């Protein structure tokens, strides 16, 4: 088995230590985010809806519309929508996107 030069060993050690520090920061941030959701719940907000809003805000308007169109078409196909008035425009939008 070959060994690393001292400089490579030091570089490797530094990289591992940096990754470990970042993992700790990530753990702390995840804890802070959990605390914020608990705070939101404590004042009466729906946490599930809040998580979805945060997810949606990461997407562009175009991405959200495309996702909603596909979801609407699938729900219609499964008989989950009683109103079909919007389906034609949603299906047309899907066809246009292709």
N, C-alpha and C. Protein backbone atom coordinates (compact mmCIF):
# COMPACT_ATOMS: atom_id res chain seq x y z
N UNK A 1 0.84 -1.18 0.00
CA UNK A 1 0.00 0.00 0.00
C UNK A 1 0.88 1.23 0.00
N UNK A 2 0.55 2.20 -0.83
CA UNK A 2 1.36 3.41 -0.90
C UNK A 2 0.91 4.40 0.16
N UNK A 3 1.82 5.25 0.54
CA UNK A 3 1.49 6.27 1.54
C UNK A 3 1.52 7.63 0.88
N UNK A 4 0.80 8.55 1.47
CA UNK A 4 0.76 9.91 0.96
C UNK A 4 1.93 10.71 1.48
N UNK A 5 2.36 11.66 0.70
CA UNK A 5 3.41 12.58 1.16
C UNK A 5 2.83 13.40 2.31
N UNK A 6 3.71 13.96 3.10
CA UNK A 6 3.29 14.75 4.26
C UNK A 6 2.39 15.90 3.85
N UNK A 7 2.72 16.57 2.77
CA UNK A 7 1.90 17.70 2.32
C UNK A 7 0.50 17.23 1.91
N UNK A 8 0.41 16.08 1.25
CA UNK A 8 -0.88 15.53 0.85
C UNK A 8 -1.67 15.09 2.08
N UNK A 9 -0.98 14.54 3.06
CA UNK A 9 -1.64 14.14 4.31
C UNK A 9 -2.26 15.35 5.00
N UNK A 10 -1.49 16.44 5.06
CA UNK A 10 -1.98 17.67 5.69
C UNK A 10 -3.18 18.23 4.93
N UNK A 11 -3.08 18.22 3.61
CA UNK A 11 -4.18 18.72 2.79
C UNK A 11 -5.44 17.87 3.01
N UNK A 12 -5.26 16.56 3.04
CA UNK A 12 -6.38 15.65 3.27
C UNK A 12 -7.00 15.90 4.64
N UNK A 13 -6.17 16.05 5.66
CA UNK A 13 -6.65 16.31 7.02
C UNK A 13 -7.46 17.61 7.06
N UNK A 14 -6.95 18.65 6.40
CA UNK A 14 -7.66 19.94 6.36
C UNK A 14 -9.02 19.81 5.67
N UNK A 15 -9.04 19.09 4.56
CA UNK A 15 -10.30 18.90 3.84
C UNK A 15 -11.32 18.15 4.70
N UNK A 16 -10.87 17.11 5.36
CA UNK A 16 -11.77 16.32 6.22
C UNK A 16 -12.28 17.18 7.37
N UNK A 17 -11.41 17.96 7.98
CA UNK A 17 -11.83 18.83 9.09
C UNK A 17 -12.81 19.89 8.62
N UNK A 18 -12.58 20.44 7.42
CA UNK A 18 -13.51 21.44 6.87
C UNK A 18 -14.88 20.81 6.61
N UNK A 19 -14.87 19.62 6.04
CA UNK A 19 -16.13 18.92 5.79
C UNK A 19 -16.86 18.65 7.10
N UNK A 20 -16.11 18.23 8.11
CA UNK A 20 -16.73 17.97 9.42
C UNK A 20 -17.36 19.24 10.00
N UNK A 21 -16.67 20.36 9.87
CA UNK A 21 -17.22 21.63 10.36
C UNK A 21 -18.49 22.01 9.60
N UNK A 22 -18.46 21.83 8.29
CA UNK A 22 -19.63 22.14 7.48
C UNK A 22 -20.81 21.22 7.83
N UNK A 23 -20.52 19.97 8.09
CA UNK A 23 -21.58 19.04 8.51
C UNK A 23 -22.20 19.49 9.83
N UNK A 24 -21.38 19.97 10.74
CA UNK A 24 -21.90 20.48 12.02
C UNK A 24 -22.77 21.72 11.79
N UNK A 25 -22.30 22.61 10.90
CA UNK A 25 -23.09 23.80 10.58
C UNK A 25 -24.42 23.42 9.95
N UNK A 26 -24.39 22.42 9.06
CA UNK A 26 -25.60 21.94 8.42
C UNK A 26 -26.57 21.37 9.45
N UNK A 27 -26.03 20.65 10.40
CA UNK A 27 -26.85 20.09 11.48
C UNK A 27 -27.50 21.20 12.30
N UNK A 28 -26.74 22.24 12.60
CA UNK A 28 -27.25 23.37 13.36
C UNK A 28 -28.32 24.13 12.57
N UNK A 29 -28.08 24.32 11.28
CA UNK A 29 -29.07 25.00 10.43
C UNK A 29 -30.37 24.19 10.36
N UNK A 30 -30.25 22.88 10.23
CA UNK A 30 -31.46 22.03 10.20
C UNK A 30 -32.23 22.17 11.50
N UNK A 31 -31.52 22.26 12.60
CA UNK A 31 -32.16 22.45 13.90
C UNK A 31 -32.85 23.80 13.97
N UNK A 32 -32.20 24.84 13.46
CA UNK A 32 -32.79 26.18 13.44
C UNK A 32 -34.06 26.21 12.58
N UNK A 33 -34.02 25.50 11.45
CA UNK A 33 -35.19 25.45 10.57
C UNK A 33 -36.34 24.73 11.27
N UNK A 34 -36.04 23.62 11.93
CA UNK A 34 -37.08 22.91 12.71
C UNK A 34 -37.69 23.83 13.75
N UNK A 35 -36.85 24.59 14.42
CA UNK A 35 -37.34 25.53 15.44
C UNK A 35 -38.28 26.56 14.83
N UNK A 36 -37.97 27.05 13.64
CA UNK A 36 -38.83 28.03 12.97
C UNK A 36 -40.18 27.42 12.62
N UNK A 37 -40.18 26.19 12.15
CA UNK A 37 -41.45 25.53 11.85
C UNK A 37 -42.26 25.31 13.13
N UNK A 38 -41.59 24.97 14.22
CA UNK A 38 -42.29 24.82 15.51
C UNK A 38 -42.86 26.16 15.96
N UNK A 39 -42.11 27.22 15.74
CA UNK A 39 -42.59 28.56 16.08
C UNK A 39 -43.83 28.92 15.25
N UNK A 40 -43.77 28.60 13.96
CA UNK A 40 -44.91 28.86 13.08
C UNK A 40 -46.14 28.07 13.54
N UNK A 41 -45.92 26.83 13.92
CA UNK A 41 -47.02 25.99 14.40
C UNK A 41 -47.60 26.55 15.69
N UNK A 42 -46.74 27.05 16.56
CA UNK A 42 -47.18 27.58 17.85
C UNK A 42 -48.08 28.80 17.70
N UNK A 43 -47.88 29.57 16.62
CA UNK A 43 -48.72 30.74 16.42
C UNK A 43 -49.90 30.44 15.50
N UNK A 44 -50.07 29.18 15.13
CA UNK A 44 -51.27 28.77 14.41
C UNK A 44 -51.15 28.54 12.93
N UNK A 45 -49.95 28.59 12.38
CA UNK A 45 -49.79 28.34 10.95
C UNK A 45 -49.74 26.84 10.67
N UNK A 46 -50.21 26.45 9.50
CA UNK A 46 -50.18 25.05 9.06
C UNK A 46 -48.77 24.77 8.52
N UNK A 47 -48.03 23.95 9.23
CA UNK A 47 -46.63 23.70 8.89
C UNK A 47 -46.51 22.97 7.55
N UNK A 48 -47.41 22.04 7.28
CA UNK A 48 -47.36 21.31 6.02
C UNK A 48 -47.51 22.29 4.84
N UNK A 49 -48.46 23.21 4.95
CA UNK A 49 -48.66 24.21 3.90
C UNK A 49 -47.45 25.14 3.80
N UNK A 50 -46.90 25.50 4.94
CA UNK A 50 -45.73 26.38 4.97
C UNK A 50 -44.54 25.73 4.27
N UNK A 51 -44.32 24.44 4.51
CA UNK A 51 -43.23 23.71 3.85
C UNK A 51 -43.44 23.70 2.33
N UNK A 52 -44.70 23.52 1.92
CA UNK A 52 -44.99 23.51 0.49
C UNK A 52 -44.74 24.88 -0.12
N UNK A 53 -45.10 25.93 0.58
CA UNK A 53 -44.84 27.29 0.09
C UNK A 53 -43.34 27.52 -0.08
N UNK A 54 -42.56 27.10 0.89
CA UNK A 54 -41.10 27.26 0.80
C UNK A 54 -40.56 26.51 -0.42
N UNK A 55 -41.07 25.27 -0.64
CA UNK A 55 -40.65 24.49 -1.81
C UNK A 55 -41.04 25.19 -3.11
N UNK A 56 -42.26 25.71 -3.16
CA UNK A 56 -42.74 26.36 -4.38
C UNK A 56 -41.97 27.64 -4.70
N UNK A 57 -41.58 28.38 -3.67
CA UNK A 57 -40.86 29.64 -3.89
C UNK A 57 -39.47 29.41 -4.49
N UNK A 58 -38.97 28.19 -4.40
CA UNK A 58 -37.67 27.88 -4.99
C UNK A 58 -37.77 27.69 -6.50
N UNK A 59 -39.01 27.50 -6.99
CA UNK A 59 -39.22 27.23 -8.41
C UNK A 59 -39.65 28.50 -9.15
N UNK A 60 -39.40 28.51 -10.44
CA UNK A 60 -39.86 29.63 -11.26
C UNK A 60 -41.36 29.49 -11.50
N UNK A 61 -41.97 30.59 -11.94
CA UNK A 61 -43.40 30.57 -12.26
C UNK A 61 -43.69 29.52 -13.32
N UNK A 62 -42.82 29.43 -14.30
CA UNK A 62 -42.99 28.46 -15.39
C UNK A 62 -42.94 27.02 -14.86
N UNK A 63 -41.99 26.74 -13.99
CA UNK A 63 -41.88 25.40 -13.40
C UNK A 63 -43.13 25.05 -12.59
N UNK A 64 -43.61 26.02 -11.82
CA UNK A 64 -44.82 25.78 -11.01
C UNK A 64 -46.03 25.52 -11.90
N UNK A 65 -46.19 26.30 -12.94
CA UNK A 65 -47.33 26.12 -13.84
C UNK A 65 -47.27 24.76 -14.53
N UNK A 66 -46.09 24.36 -14.98
CA UNK A 66 -45.93 23.07 -15.63
C UNK A 66 -46.27 21.94 -14.67
N UNK A 67 -45.79 22.04 -13.45
CA UNK A 67 -46.06 21.03 -12.44
C UNK A 67 -47.56 20.95 -12.13
N UNK A 68 -48.21 22.10 -11.99
CA UNK A 68 -49.64 22.14 -11.72
C UNK A 68 -50.44 21.55 -12.87
N UNK A 69 -50.01 21.81 -14.11
CA UNK A 69 -50.70 21.27 -15.29
C UNK A 69 -50.62 19.76 -15.31
N UNK A 70 -49.45 19.22 -15.09
CA UNK A 70 -49.28 17.77 -15.08
C UNK A 70 -50.10 17.15 -13.95
N UNK A 71 -50.06 17.76 -12.79
CA UNK A 71 -50.82 17.27 -11.65
C UNK A 71 -52.32 17.26 -11.96
N UNK A 72 -52.81 18.33 -12.56
CA UNK A 72 -54.22 18.44 -12.91
C UNK A 72 -54.63 17.36 -13.91
N UNK A 73 -53.80 17.12 -14.93
CA UNK A 73 -54.09 16.09 -15.93
C UNK A 73 -54.13 14.72 -15.27
N UNK A 74 -53.17 14.42 -14.41
CA UNK A 74 -53.13 13.13 -13.73
C UNK A 74 -54.34 12.95 -12.82
N UNK A 75 -54.68 14.02 -12.07
CA UNK A 75 -55.83 13.93 -11.17
C UNK A 75 -57.11 13.70 -11.97
N UNK A 76 -57.24 14.35 -13.10
CA UNK A 76 -58.40 14.15 -13.96
C UNK A 76 -58.45 12.70 -14.45
N UNK A 77 -57.31 12.19 -14.89
CA UNK A 77 -57.24 10.81 -15.38
C UNK A 77 -57.62 9.80 -14.31
N UNK A 78 -57.38 10.13 -13.07
CA UNK A 78 -57.70 9.23 -11.95
C UNK A 78 -59.07 9.49 -11.36
N UNK A 79 -59.82 10.42 -11.97
CA UNK A 79 -61.15 10.71 -11.49
C UNK A 79 -61.17 11.49 -10.18
N UNK A 80 -60.12 12.23 -9.91
CA UNK A 80 -60.03 12.97 -8.66
C UNK A 80 -60.56 14.39 -8.79
N UNK A 81 -60.88 14.83 -10.01
CA UNK A 81 -61.41 16.17 -10.24
C UNK A 81 -62.84 16.05 -10.74
N UNK A 82 -63.75 16.79 -10.12
CA UNK A 82 -65.14 16.74 -10.57
C UNK A 82 -65.40 17.75 -11.68
N UNK A 83 -64.65 18.85 -11.70
CA UNK A 83 -64.83 19.89 -12.71
C UNK A 83 -63.81 19.68 -13.81
N UNK A 84 -64.27 19.54 -15.03
CA UNK A 84 -63.35 19.31 -16.15
C UNK A 84 -63.14 20.54 -17.00
N UNK A 85 -63.68 21.69 -16.57
CA UNK A 85 -63.58 22.89 -17.39
C UNK A 85 -62.14 23.35 -17.59
N UNK A 86 -61.29 23.17 -16.62
CA UNK A 86 -59.91 23.61 -16.74
C UNK A 86 -59.01 22.61 -17.40
N UNK A 87 -59.49 21.38 -17.56
CA UNK A 87 -58.64 20.32 -18.09
C UNK A 87 -58.23 20.59 -19.53
N UNK A 88 -59.14 21.05 -20.37
CA UNK A 88 -58.78 21.29 -21.77
C UNK A 88 -57.66 22.30 -21.87
N UNK A 89 -57.74 23.37 -21.12
CA UNK A 89 -56.67 24.37 -21.18
C UNK A 89 -55.39 23.83 -20.59
N UNK A 90 -55.48 23.00 -19.55
CA UNK A 90 -54.28 22.40 -18.95
C UNK A 90 -53.65 21.42 -19.94
N UNK A 91 -54.47 20.61 -20.58
CA UNK A 91 -53.94 19.65 -21.55
C UNK A 91 -53.34 20.40 -22.74
N UNK A 92 -54.03 21.47 -23.18
CA UNK A 92 -53.49 22.28 -24.28
C UNK A 92 -52.14 22.88 -23.91
N UNK A 93 -52.03 23.33 -22.68
CA UNK A 93 -50.78 23.93 -22.21
C UNK A 93 -49.67 22.88 -22.21
N UNK A 94 -50.01 21.65 -21.80
CA UNK A 94 -49.01 20.58 -21.82
C UNK A 94 -48.54 20.29 -23.25
N UNK A 95 -49.49 20.23 -24.15
CA UNK A 95 -49.15 19.96 -25.56
C UNK A 95 -48.26 21.08 -26.10
N UNK A 96 -48.58 22.30 -25.76
CA UNK A 96 -47.80 23.45 -26.25
C UNK A 96 -46.39 23.42 -25.68
N UNK A 97 -46.25 22.94 -24.43
CA UNK A 97 -44.94 22.90 -23.79
C UNK A 97 -44.04 21.86 -24.44
N UNK A 98 -44.65 20.83 -25.01
CA UNK A 98 -43.85 19.78 -25.65
C UNK A 98 -43.38 20.27 -26.96
